[in-house]
Amino acid sequence: MQQMIDLYEGFICALHMMMLSEKEINYPQFTDTNFDKEMNKIWRWVKEHK
């Protein structure tokens, strides 16, 4: 459970950094989480609309 919490925390931090940065940020794909598809959609949306 702690590993999933750490993955989600890393994802949220990377989204925040991407929103503040002018540079492209790539984040590794998650595996074996319940929200892989949703997280990918959120990542793409934020990247497109920043």
PDB file of N, CA and C in Angstrom:
ATOM      1  N   MET A   1       0.816  -1.194   0.000  1.00  0.00           N
ATOM      2  CA  MET A   1       0.000   0.000   0.000  1.00  0.00           C
ATOM      3  C   MET A   1       0.865   1.267   0.000  1.00  0.00           C
ATOM      4  N   GLN A   2       1.925   1.256   0.795  1.00  0.00           N
ATOM      5  CA  GLN A   2       2.799   2.425   0.847  1.00  0.00           C
ATOM      6  C   GLN A   2       3.441   2.695  -0.514  1.00  0.00           C
ATOM      7  N   GLN A   3       3.750   1.640  -1.255  1.00  0.00           N
ATOM      8  CA  GLN A   3       4.350   1.816  -2.579  1.00  0.00           C
ATOM      9  C   GLN A   3       3.383   2.547  -3.508  1.00  0.00           C
ATOM     10  N   MET A   4       2.105   2.208  -3.461  1.00  0.00           N
ATOM     11  CA  MET A   4       1.123   2.895  -4.301  1.00  0.00           C
ATOM     12  C   MET A   4       0.972   4.353  -3.895  1.00  0.00           C
ATOM     13  N   ILE A   5       0.990   4.619  -2.600  1.00  0.00           N
ATOM     14  CA  ILE A   5       0.909   5.997  -2.121  1.00  0.00           C
ATOM     15  C   ILE A   5       2.109   6.790  -2.625  1.00  0.00           C
ATOM     16  N   ASP A   6       3.292   6.194  -2.578  1.00  0.00           N
ATOM     17  CA  ASP A   6       4.501   6.856  -3.068  1.00  0.00           C
ATOM     18  C   ASP A   6       4.423   7.122  -4.561  1.00  0.00           C
ATOM     19  N   LEU A   7       3.870   6.177  -5.338  1.00  0.00           N
ATOM     20  CA  LEU A   7       3.710   6.377  -6.775  1.00  0.00           C
ATOM     21  C   LEU A   7       2.777   7.542  -7.075  1.00  0.00           C
ATOM     22  N   TYR A   8       1.660   7.592  -6.369  1.00  0.00           N
ATOM     23  CA  TYR A   8       0.709   8.682  -6.587  1.00  0.00           C
ATOM     24  C   TYR A   8       1.286  10.023  -6.148  1.00  0.00           C
ATOM     25  N   GLU A   9       2.026  10.029  -5.056  1.00  0.00           N
ATOM     26  CA  GLU A   9       2.666  11.268  -4.596  1.00  0.00           C
ATOM     27  C   GLU A   9       3.692  11.753  -5.624  1.00  0.00           C
ATOM     28  N   GLY A  10       4.475  10.841  -6.161  1.00  0.00           N
ATOM     29  CA  GLY A  10       5.436  11.204  -7.206  1.00  0.00           C
ATOM     30  C   GLY A  10       4.756  11.743  -8.440  1.00  0.00           C
ATOM     31  N   PHE A  11       3.634  11.162  -8.804  1.00  0.00           N
ATOM     32  CA  PHE A  11       2.871  11.600  -9.972  1.00  0.00           C
ATOM     33  C   PHE A  11       2.357  13.026  -9.767  1.00  0.00           C
ATOM     34  N   ILE A  12       1.797  13.287  -8.599  1.00  0.00           N
ATOM     35  CA  ILE A  12       1.264  14.617  -8.317  1.00  0.00           C
ATOM     36  C   ILE A  12       2.381  15.652  -8.284  1.00  0.00           C
ATOM     37  N   CYS A  13       3.517  15.313  -7.699  1.00  0.00           N
ATOM     38  CA  CYS A  13       4.661  16.235  -7.680  1.00  0.00           C
ATOM     39  C   CYS A  13       5.166  16.517  -9.090  1.00  0.00           C
ATOM     40  N   ALA A  14       5.214  15.497  -9.930  1.00  0.00           N
ATOM     41  CA  ALA A  14       5.664  15.682 -11.312  1.00  0.00           C
ATOM     42  C   ALA A  14       4.680  16.558 -12.087  1.00  0.00           C
ATOM     43  N   LEU A  15       3.372  16.393 -11.854  1.00  0.00           N
ATOM     44  CA  LEU A  15       2.383  17.261 -12.500  1.00  0.00           C
ATOM     45  C   LEU A  15       2.595  18.713 -12.084  1.00  0.00           C
ATOM     46  N   HIS A  16       2.817  18.919 -10.816  1.00  0.00           N
ATOM     47  CA  HIS A  16       3.043  20.275 -10.311  1.00  0.00           C
ATOM     48  C   HIS A  16       4.293  20.885 -10.947  1.00  0.00           C
ATOM     49  N   MET A  17       5.359  20.123 -11.008  1.00  0.00           N
ATOM     50  CA  MET A  17       6.598  20.619 -11.612  1.00  0.00           C
ATOM     51  C   MET A  17       6.404  20.910 -13.093  1.00  0.00           C
ATOM     52  N   MET A  18       5.626  20.077 -13.787  1.00  0.00           N
ATOM     53  CA  MET A  18       5.384  20.290 -15.211  1.00  0.00           C
ATOM     54  C   MET A  18       4.602  21.587 -15.422  1.00  0.00           C
ATOM     55  N   MET A  19       3.652  21.866 -14.540  1.00  0.00           N
ATOM     56  CA  MET A  19       2.853  23.082 -14.684  1.00  0.00           C
ATOM     57  C   MET A  19       3.701  24.335 -14.462  1.00  0.00           C
ATOM     58  N   LEU A  20       4.693  24.254 -13.588  1.00  0.00           N
ATOM     59  CA  LEU A  20       5.520  25.420 -13.282  1.00  0.00           C
ATOM     60  C   LEU A  20       6.696  25.589 -14.230  1.00  0.00           C
ATOM     61  N   SER A  21       7.077  24.536 -14.916  1.00  0.00           N
ATOM     62  CA  SER A  21       8.288  24.544 -15.726  1.00  0.00           C
ATOM     63  C   SER A  21       7.993  24.874 -17.180  1.00  0.00           C
ATOM     64  N   GLU A  22       8.969  25.458 -17.823  1.00  0.00           N
ATOM     65  CA  GLU A  22       8.893  25.705 -19.263  1.00  0.00           C
ATOM     66  C   GLU A  22       9.442  24.527 -20.056  1.00  0.00           C
ATOM     67  N   LYS A  23      10.151  23.641 -19.393  1.00  0.00           N
ATOM     68  CA  LYS A  23      10.779  22.506 -20.062  1.00  0.00           C
ATOM     69  C   LYS A  23       9.829  21.318 -20.104  1.00  0.00           C
ATOM     70  N   GLU A  24      10.098  20.434 -21.052  1.00  0.00           N
ATOM     71  CA  GLU A  24       9.337  19.189 -21.145  1.00  0.00           C
ATOM     72  C   GLU A  24       9.764  18.259 -20.020  1.00  0.00           C
ATOM     73  N   ILE A  25       8.812  17.662 -19.378  1.00  0.00           N
ATOM     74  CA  ILE A  25       9.084  16.708 -18.316  1.00  0.00           C
ATOM     75  C   ILE A  25       8.442  15.387 -18.705  1.00  0.00           C
ATOM     76  N   ASN A  26       9.223  14.351 -18.683  1.00  0.00           N
ATOM     77  CA  ASN A  26       8.698  13.013 -18.939  1.00  0.00           C
ATOM     78  C   ASN A  26       8.666  12.250 -17.635  1.00  0.00           C
ATOM     79  N   TYR A  27       7.617  11.492 -17.447  1.00  0.00           N
ATOM     80  CA  TYR A  27       7.460  10.730 -16.215  1.00  0.00           C
ATOM     81  C   TYR A  27       7.278   9.273 -16.585  1.00  0.00           C
ATOM     82  N   PRO A  28       7.907   8.375 -15.878  1.00  0.00           N
ATOM     83  CA  PRO A  28       7.810   6.963 -16.244  1.00  0.00           C
ATOM     84  C   PRO A  28       6.382   6.427 -16.120  1.00  0.00           C
ATOM     85  N   GLN A  29       6.088   5.459 -16.937  1.00  0.00           N
ATOM     86  CA  GLN A  29       4.784   4.803 -16.881  1.00  0.00           C
ATOM     87  C   GLN A  29       4.647   4.043 -15.577  1.00  0.00           C
ATOM     88  N   PHE A  30       3.478   4.100 -15.005  1.00  0.00           N
ATOM     89  CA  PHE A  30       3.190   3.295 -13.831  1.00  0.00           C
ATOM     90  C   PHE A  30       2.729   1.922 -14.281  1.00  0.00           C
ATOM     91  N   THR A  31       2.961   0.953 -13.485  1.00  0.00           N
ATOM     92  CA  THR A  31       2.451  -0.385 -13.767  1.00  0.00           C
ATOM     93  C   THR A  31       1.817  -0.944 -12.511  1.00  0.00           C
ATOM     94  N   ASP A  32       0.826  -1.738 -12.708  1.00  0.00           N
ATOM     95  CA  ASP A  32       0.142  -2.419 -11.610  1.00  0.00           C
ATOM     96  C   ASP A  32      -0.543  -1.475 -10.629  1.00  0.00           C
ATOM     97  N   THR A  33      -1.012  -0.328 -11.108  1.00  0.00           N
ATOM     98  CA  THR A  33      -1.830   0.522 -10.254  1.00  0.00           C
ATOM     99  C   THR A  33      -3.236   0.543 -10.819  1.00  0.00           C
ATOM    100  N   ASN A  34      -4.182   0.855  -9.970  1.00  0.00           N
ATOM    101  CA  ASN A  34      -5.579   0.846 -10.391  1.00  0.00           C
ATOM    102  C   ASN A  34      -5.930   2.010 -11.309  1.00  0.00           C
ATOM    103  N   PHE A  35      -5.115   3.043 -11.303  1.00  0.00           N
ATOM    104  CA  PHE A  35      -5.454   4.255 -12.028  1.00  0.00           C
ATOM    105  C   PHE A  35      -4.481   4.584 -13.151  1.00  0.00           C
ATOM    106  N   ASP A  36      -3.859   3.587 -13.750  1.00  0.00           N
ATOM    107  CA  ASP A  36      -2.891   3.832 -14.831  1.00  0.00           C
ATOM    108  C   ASP A  36      -3.507   4.625 -15.976  1.00  0.00           C
ATOM    109  N   LYS A  37      -4.664   4.206 -16.447  1.00  0.00           N
ATOM    110  CA  LYS A  37      -5.302   4.880 -17.586  1.00  0.00           C
ATOM    111  C   LYS A  37      -5.694   6.304 -17.225  1.00  0.00           C
ATOM    112  N   GLU A  38      -6.264   6.482 -16.047  1.00  0.00           N
ATOM    113  CA  GLU A  38      -6.677   7.815 -15.622  1.00  0.00           C
ATOM    114  C   GLU A  38      -5.482   8.736 -15.437  1.00  0.00           C
ATOM    115  N   MET A  39      -4.400   8.219 -14.855  1.00  0.00           N
ATOM    116  CA  MET A  39      -3.212   9.025 -14.648  1.00  0.00           C
ATOM    117  C   MET A  39      -2.588   9.421 -15.989  1.00  0.00           C
ATOM    118  N   ASN A  40      -2.601   8.527 -16.943  1.00  0.00           N
ATOM    119  CA  ASN A  40      -2.078   8.833 -18.267  1.00  0.00           C
ATOM    120  C   ASN A  40      -2.916   9.926 -18.934  1.00  0.00           C
ATOM    121  N   LYS A  41      -4.229   9.841 -18.809  1.00  0.00           N
ATOM    122  CA  LYS A  41      -5.107  10.862 -19.392  1.00  0.00           C
ATOM    123  C   LYS A  41      -4.879  12.213 -18.730  1.00  0.00           C
ATOM    124  N   ILE A  42      -4.737  12.212 -17.402  1.00  0.00           N
ATOM    125  CA  ILE A  42      -4.480  13.461 -16.685  1.00  0.00           C
ATOM    126  C   ILE A  42      -3.156  14.060 -17.126  1.00  0.00           C
ATOM    127  N   TRP A  43      -2.124  13.206 -17.235  1.00  0.00           N
ATOM    128  CA  TRP A  43      -0.792  13.681 -17.658  1.00  0.00           C
ATOM    129  C   TRP A  43      -0.856  14.328 -19.036  1.00  0.00           C
ATOM    130  N   ARG A  44      -1.521  13.657 -19.978  1.00  0.00           N
ATOM    131  CA  ARG A  44      -1.622  14.192 -21.337  1.00  0.00           C
ATOM    132  C   ARG A  44      -2.422  15.497 -21.373  1.00  0.00           C
ATOM    133  N   TRP A  45      -3.498  15.575 -20.585  1.00  0.00           N
ATOM    134  CA  TRP A  45      -4.318  16.780 -20.566  1.00  0.00           C
ATOM    135  C   TRP A  45      -3.526  17.961 -20.024  1.00  0.00           C
ATOM    136  N   VAL A  46      -2.833  17.754 -18.915  1.00  0.00           N
ATOM    137  CA  VAL A  46      -2.045  18.842 -18.313  1.00  0.00           C
ATOM    138  C   VAL A  46      -0.937  19.267 -19.272  1.00  0.00           C
ATOM    139  N   LYS A  47      -0.284  18.282 -19.906  1.00  0.00           N
ATOM    140  CA  LYS A  47       0.804  18.596 -20.843  1.00  0.00           C
ATOM    141  C   LYS A  47       0.275  19.418 -22.022  1.00  0.00           C
ATOM    142  N   GLU A  48      -0.926  19.117 -22.485  1.00  0.00           N
ATOM    143  CA  GLU A  48      -1.512  19.819 -23.623  1.00  0.00           C
ATOM    144  C   GLU A  48      -1.990  21.218 -23.250  1.00  0.00           C
ATOM    145  N   HIS A  49      -2.487  21.402 -22.045  1.00  0.00           N
ATOM    146  CA  HIS A  49      -3.122  22.660 -21.660  1.00  0.00           C
ATOM    147  C   HIS A  49      -2.279  23.556 -20.768  1.00  0.00           C
ATOM    148  N   LYS A  50      -1.029  23.224 -20.571  1.00  0.00           N
ATOM    149  CA  LYS A  50      -0.225  24.069 -19.677  1.00  0.00           C
ATOM    150  C   LYS A  50       0.170  25.372 -20.312  1.00  0.00           C
TER     151      LYS A  50
END
